[in-house]
Amino acid sequence: MQGSILPVLNSRLLFQLPAKQLNPDDIFIIIKTADFSVILIADAIYKILENPTEPVLPVSHPIGKNTPWRGMIHLGEKIVLIQDIEYLISLMKAEGIYGV
């Protein structure tokens, strides 16, 4: 990734939270797919799951396929929703909040 210029997703804007000043202590998550790479700004990280052993369950949406959720995992009594990053980026582009 060294020498690459990547777009930045400010998820605070997507969730209609107030913007905050960026600083070097912020959490920057690099998301890399087969088609693109982006940086996601996060306020905090609770837990990182790499190749979870729990099965990924499908998520149905009453309105149809246009949903950011692609699956879920049960972790004890908690549920982790898995987002579709490509859908999230298209939504952010449509809202004009793709970038910092």
Protein backbone atom coordinates (compact mmCIF):
# COMPACT_ATOMS: atom_id res chain seq x y z
CA MET A 1 0.00 0.00 0.00
CA GLN A 2 3.01 2.26 0.37
CA GLY A 3 2.88 5.08 -2.17
CA SER A 4 -0.83 4.53 -2.91
CA ILE A 5 -3.47 7.21 -2.58
CA LEU A 6 -6.68 5.71 -1.20
CA PRO A 7 -10.16 7.17 -0.72
CA VAL A 8 -11.24 7.65 2.89
CA LEU A 9 -14.70 6.71 4.18
CA ASN A 10 -15.87 8.81 7.10
CA SER A 11 -18.50 6.52 8.57
CA ARG A 12 -19.56 9.20 11.10
CA LEU A 13 -21.16 11.10 8.21
CA LEU A 14 -22.98 8.01 6.95
CA PHE A 15 -24.57 7.49 10.37
CA GLN A 16 -25.34 11.22 10.66
CA LEU A 17 -22.97 11.73 13.58
CA PRO A 18 -21.17 15.05 13.96
CA ALA A 19 -17.82 15.24 12.19
CA LYS A 20 -14.73 15.47 14.34
CA GLN A 21 -11.23 16.73 13.70
CA LEU A 22 -8.90 13.99 12.49
CA ASN A 23 -5.71 13.33 14.40
CA PRO A 24 -2.90 10.76 14.16
CA ASP A 25 -4.36 8.76 17.07
CA ASP A 26 -7.57 7.99 15.12
CA ILE A 27 -8.15 4.43 13.94
CA PHE A 28 -7.73 3.93 10.20
CA ILE A 29 -8.84 0.55 8.85
CA ILE A 30 -7.58 -0.42 5.40
CA ILE A 31 -10.19 -2.42 3.54
CA LYS A 32 -8.90 -4.31 0.53
CA THR A 33 -11.13 -6.19 -1.90
CA ALA A 34 -10.41 -7.74 -5.29
CA ASP A 35 -11.62 -4.54 -7.00
CA PHE A 36 -10.53 -1.66 -4.76
CA SER A 37 -8.95 -0.50 -1.51
CA VAL A 38 -10.30 2.16 0.85
CA ILE A 39 -9.62 3.51 4.32
CA LEU A 40 -12.41 3.51 6.92
CA ILE A 41 -12.16 5.88 9.88
CA ALA A 42 -13.36 4.28 13.11
CA ASP A 43 -13.93 5.76 16.55
CA ALA A 44 -13.10 2.45 18.23
CA ILE A 45 -12.57 -1.23 17.55
CA TYR A 46 -14.30 -3.69 19.82
CA LYS A 47 -13.00 -6.92 18.36
CA ILE A 48 -11.37 -8.16 15.17
CA LEU A 49 -12.58 -11.45 13.74
CA GLU A 50 -10.37 -13.24 11.26
CA ASN A 51 -11.91 -16.30 9.66
CA PRO A 52 -14.47 -16.91 12.41
CA THR A 53 -15.29 -20.54 13.10
CA GLU A 54 -18.97 -19.68 13.57
CA PRO A 55 -21.14 -20.15 10.47
CA VAL A 56 -22.17 -16.99 8.62
CA LEU A 57 -25.96 -16.93 8.51
CA PRO A 58 -27.88 -15.17 5.73
CA VAL A 59 -29.79 -11.99 6.53
CA SER A 60 -33.12 -11.50 4.81
CA HIS A 61 -34.47 -7.99 4.29
CA PRO A 62 -38.22 -7.29 4.04
CA ILE A 63 -37.71 -4.70 1.27
CA GLY A 64 -35.52 -6.84 -0.98
CA LYS A 65 -31.84 -7.11 -1.87
CA ASN A 66 -30.93 -3.43 -1.32
CA THR A 67 -29.51 -3.82 2.15
CA PRO A 68 -25.99 -3.26 3.48
CA TRP A 69 -26.14 -6.49 5.50
CA ARG A 70 -24.73 -9.63 3.91
CA GLY A 71 -24.81 -11.98 6.86
CA MET A 72 -24.52 -12.38 10.60
CA ILE A 73 -22.57 -14.42 13.10
CA HIS A 74 -23.66 -15.42 16.60
CA LEU A 75 -20.92 -14.81 19.20
CA GLY A 76 -22.30 -16.16 22.43
CA GLU A 77 -25.34 -14.02 23.16
CA LYS A 78 -24.24 -11.28 20.75
CA ILE A 79 -24.91 -10.91 17.03
CA VAL A 80 -22.33 -9.49 14.62
CA LEU A 81 -23.76 -8.09 11.38
CA ILE A 82 -21.56 -8.32 8.29
CA GLN A 83 -21.75 -5.31 5.98
CA ASP A 84 -21.36 -5.30 2.21
CA ILE A 85 -18.58 -2.72 1.71
CA GLU A 86 -19.42 -2.23 -1.98
CA TYR A 87 -23.03 -1.37 -1.10
CA LEU A 88 -21.82 0.94 1.66
CA ILE A 89 -19.52 2.80 -0.74
CA SER A 90 -22.28 3.20 -3.34
CA LEU A 91 -24.57 4.59 -0.63
CA MET A 92 -21.89 7.03 0.54
CA LYS A 93 -21.26 8.16 -3.04
CA ALA A 94 -24.99 8.73 -3.53
CA GLU A 95 -25.13 10.80 -0.33
CA GLY A 96 -22.04 12.80 -1.33
CA ILE A 97 -20.05 11.68 1.73
CA TYR A 98 -17.46 9.51 0.01
CA GLY A 99 -14.20 10.91 1.39
CA VAL A 100 -13.23 12.95 4.45
